[in-house]
Amino acid sequence: MINFRCKNCKWWDNEHLVVKTIPVNLCKEHPGICRKHKPGAMKINGFHYGIQPILDADDFCGEFREDK
């Protein structure tokens, strides 16, 4: 089994306050954000916001970096 999952990566962040505001309709059981990539833009009510990629702890990534 490949262990290159977000929950084992040094870029994984599921403790930041923003994680608690992730909408439940994204169907993520164990949500968190990836700090490896720069924020993308999201337009909400006419304003643009920067948001880190939202992922699940068990998602796979080809850019995995082991947390030591």
N, C-alpha and C. Protein backbone atom coordinates (compact mmCIF):
# COMPACT_ATOMS: atom_id res chain seq x y z
N MET A 1 0.84 -1.19 0.00
CA MET A 1 0.00 0.00 0.00
C MET A 1 0.88 1.25 0.00
N ILE A 2 0.50 2.21 -0.77
CA ILE A 2 1.24 3.47 -0.85
C ILE A 2 0.83 4.36 0.31
N ASN A 3 1.81 4.86 1.05
CA ASN A 3 1.54 5.71 2.21
C ASN A 3 1.68 7.19 1.90
N PHE A 4 1.74 7.55 0.63
CA PHE A 4 1.89 8.95 0.26
C PHE A 4 0.56 9.67 0.39
N ARG A 5 0.06 9.75 1.58
CA ARG A 5 -1.23 10.37 1.88
C ARG A 5 -1.00 11.70 2.59
N CYS A 6 -1.94 12.60 2.43
CA CYS A 6 -1.82 13.93 3.02
C CYS A 6 -1.52 13.89 4.51
N LYS A 7 -2.20 12.98 5.24
CA LYS A 7 -2.02 12.93 6.69
C LYS A 7 -0.60 12.62 7.12
N ASN A 8 0.23 12.07 6.21
CA ASN A 8 1.62 11.74 6.52
C ASN A 8 2.61 12.74 5.94
N CYS A 9 2.12 13.81 5.35
CA CYS A 9 2.97 14.77 4.64
C CYS A 9 3.31 15.97 5.53
N LYS A 10 4.51 16.51 5.34
CA LYS A 10 4.91 17.66 6.14
C LYS A 10 4.15 18.93 5.76
N TRP A 11 3.52 18.97 4.59
CA TRP A 11 2.78 20.16 4.16
C TRP A 11 1.32 20.14 4.62
N TRP A 12 0.86 19.05 5.21
CA TRP A 12 -0.52 18.87 5.64
C TRP A 12 -0.80 19.72 6.89
N ASP A 13 -1.94 20.43 6.89
CA ASP A 13 -2.34 21.26 8.03
C ASP A 13 -3.83 21.06 8.28
N ASN A 14 -4.16 20.39 9.36
CA ASN A 14 -5.56 20.22 9.73
C ASN A 14 -5.86 20.85 11.08
N GLU A 15 -4.96 21.70 11.57
CA GLU A 15 -5.13 22.34 12.87
C GLU A 15 -5.42 23.83 12.77
N HIS A 16 -5.26 24.41 11.59
CA HIS A 16 -5.49 25.85 11.41
C HIS A 16 -6.97 26.17 11.62
N LEU A 17 -7.26 27.36 12.11
CA LEU A 17 -8.64 27.77 12.37
C LEU A 17 -9.52 27.73 11.13
N VAL A 18 -8.94 27.96 9.95
CA VAL A 18 -9.72 27.98 8.72
C VAL A 18 -10.32 26.59 8.41
N VAL A 19 -9.70 25.53 8.91
CA VAL A 19 -10.20 24.18 8.65
C VAL A 19 -11.60 24.01 9.26
N LYS A 20 -11.85 24.66 10.38
CA LYS A 20 -13.16 24.57 11.03
C LYS A 20 -14.26 25.26 10.23
N THR A 21 -13.88 26.11 9.28
CA THR A 21 -14.88 26.83 8.48
C THR A 21 -15.12 26.19 7.12
N ILE A 22 -14.47 25.05 6.84
CA ILE A 22 -14.66 24.37 5.56
C ILE A 22 -16.08 23.84 5.50
N PRO A 23 -16.83 24.17 4.45
CA PRO A 23 -18.22 23.70 4.34
C PRO A 23 -18.31 22.18 4.30
N VAL A 24 -19.31 21.65 5.00
CA VAL A 24 -19.48 20.19 5.05
C VAL A 24 -19.90 19.61 3.72
N ASN A 25 -20.40 20.43 2.81
CA ASN A 25 -20.84 19.91 1.52
C ASN A 25 -19.68 19.54 0.59
N LEU A 26 -18.46 19.71 1.03
CA LEU A 26 -17.30 19.30 0.23
C LEU A 26 -17.03 17.80 0.37
N CYS A 27 -17.80 17.13 1.23
CA CYS A 27 -17.71 15.67 1.40
C CYS A 27 -16.32 15.22 1.81
N LYS A 28 -15.68 15.95 2.66
CA LYS A 28 -14.37 15.55 3.18
C LYS A 28 -14.57 15.05 4.61
N GLU A 29 -14.20 13.79 4.88
CA GLU A 29 -14.36 13.25 6.23
C GLU A 29 -13.35 13.83 7.20
N HIS A 30 -12.11 14.00 6.73
CA HIS A 30 -11.03 14.53 7.56
C HIS A 30 -10.36 15.67 6.81
N PRO A 31 -11.01 16.85 6.76
CA PRO A 31 -10.50 17.94 5.93
C PRO A 31 -9.24 18.59 6.49
N GLY A 32 -8.52 19.19 5.59
CA GLY A 32 -7.33 19.94 5.94
C GLY A 32 -6.89 20.73 4.71
N ILE A 33 -5.79 21.47 4.87
CA ILE A 33 -5.30 22.27 3.75
C ILE A 33 -3.85 21.88 3.44
N CYS A 34 -3.51 22.03 2.17
CA CYS A 34 -2.17 21.74 1.69
C CYS A 34 -1.36 23.03 1.67
N ARG A 35 -0.27 23.06 2.41
CA ARG A 35 0.59 24.25 2.47
C ARG A 35 1.67 24.23 1.39
N LYS A 36 1.74 23.17 0.62
CA LYS A 36 2.76 23.05 -0.43
C LYS A 36 2.49 24.01 -1.57
N HIS A 37 1.23 24.20 -1.91
CA HIS A 37 0.87 25.01 -3.07
C HIS A 37 0.33 26.37 -2.66
N LYS A 38 0.55 27.36 -3.51
CA LYS A 38 0.08 28.71 -3.22
C LYS A 38 -1.45 28.74 -3.26
N PRO A 39 -2.05 29.70 -2.57
CA PRO A 39 -3.52 29.79 -2.56
C PRO A 39 -4.09 30.10 -3.94
N GLY A 40 -5.25 29.56 -4.18
CA GLY A 40 -6.00 29.87 -5.38
C GLY A 40 -7.02 30.95 -5.05
N ALA A 41 -7.60 31.56 -6.05
CA ALA A 41 -8.59 32.62 -5.82
C ALA A 41 -10.00 32.05 -5.85
N MET A 42 -10.85 32.54 -4.95
CA MET A 42 -12.25 32.15 -4.91
C MET A 42 -13.08 33.43 -4.76
N LYS A 43 -14.08 33.57 -5.61
CA LYS A 43 -14.92 34.77 -5.57
C LYS A 43 -16.18 34.48 -4.75
N ILE A 44 -16.37 35.25 -3.69
CA ILE A 44 -17.53 35.11 -2.81
C ILE A 44 -18.15 36.49 -2.62
N ASN A 45 -19.41 36.61 -3.01
CA ASN A 45 -20.15 37.87 -2.87
C ASN A 45 -19.41 39.06 -3.47
N GLY A 46 -18.80 38.85 -4.62
CA GLY A 46 -18.14 39.94 -5.33
C GLY A 46 -16.72 40.23 -4.87
N PHE A 47 -16.22 39.50 -3.89
CA PHE A 47 -14.86 39.71 -3.39
C PHE A 47 -14.03 38.47 -3.67
N HIS A 48 -12.76 38.68 -3.94
CA HIS A 48 -11.85 37.56 -4.19
C HIS A 48 -11.07 37.24 -2.91
N TYR A 49 -10.99 35.95 -2.60
CA TYR A 49 -10.27 35.49 -1.42
C TYR A 49 -9.24 34.46 -1.84
N GLY A 50 -8.12 34.42 -1.15
CA GLY A 50 -7.12 33.39 -1.39
C GLY A 50 -7.41 32.21 -0.47
N ILE A 51 -7.39 31.02 -1.02
CA ILE A 51 -7.67 29.83 -0.21
C ILE A 51 -6.71 28.71 -0.61
N GLN A 52 -6.14 28.06 0.39
CA GLN A 52 -5.26 26.91 0.16
C GLN A 52 -6.09 25.75 -0.37
N PRO A 53 -5.48 24.83 -1.11
CA PRO A 53 -6.22 23.66 -1.59
C PRO A 53 -6.78 22.86 -0.41
N ILE A 54 -8.06 22.53 -0.47
CA ILE A 54 -8.73 21.76 0.58
C ILE A 54 -8.71 20.29 0.16
N LEU A 55 -8.19 19.45 1.06
CA LEU A 55 -8.03 18.03 0.77
C LEU A 55 -8.51 17.20 1.94
N ASP A 56 -8.57 15.90 1.71
CA ASP A 56 -8.90 14.96 2.77
C ASP A 56 -7.60 14.30 3.24
N ALA A 57 -7.56 13.88 4.48
CA ALA A 57 -6.35 13.29 5.06
C ALA A 57 -5.88 12.06 4.29
N ASP A 58 -6.79 11.35 3.64
CA ASP A 58 -6.43 10.13 2.93
C ASP A 58 -6.21 10.34 1.44
N ASP A 59 -6.19 11.58 0.96
CA ASP A 59 -5.92 11.86 -0.44
C ASP A 59 -4.46 11.53 -0.77
N PHE A 60 -4.22 11.16 -2.02
CA PHE A 60 -2.88 10.84 -2.51
C PHE A 60 -2.28 12.05 -3.20
N CYS A 61 -0.97 12.22 -3.10
CA CYS A 61 -0.29 13.34 -3.76
C CYS A 61 1.02 12.87 -4.36
N GLY A 62 1.28 13.29 -5.57
CA GLY A 62 2.53 12.96 -6.23
C GLY A 62 3.70 13.80 -5.74
N GLU A 63 3.43 14.84 -4.96
CA GLU A 63 4.48 15.69 -4.42
C GLU A 63 4.67 15.48 -2.93
N PHE A 64 4.31 14.33 -2.45
CA PHE A 64 4.39 13.97 -1.04
C PHE A 64 5.81 14.18 -0.49
N ARG A 65 5.89 14.76 0.70
CA ARG A 65 7.15 14.93 1.42
C ARG A 65 6.94 14.41 2.83
N GLU A 66 7.71 13.37 3.18
CA GLU A 66 7.52 12.73 4.47
C GLU A 66 7.80 13.71 5.61
N ASP A 67 6.94 13.68 6.62
CA ASP A 67 7.11 14.50 7.82
C ASP A 67 8.04 13.76 8.77
N LYS A 68 9.20 14.34 9.03
CA LYS A 68 10.17 13.65 9.91
C LYS A 68 10.30 14.38 11.22
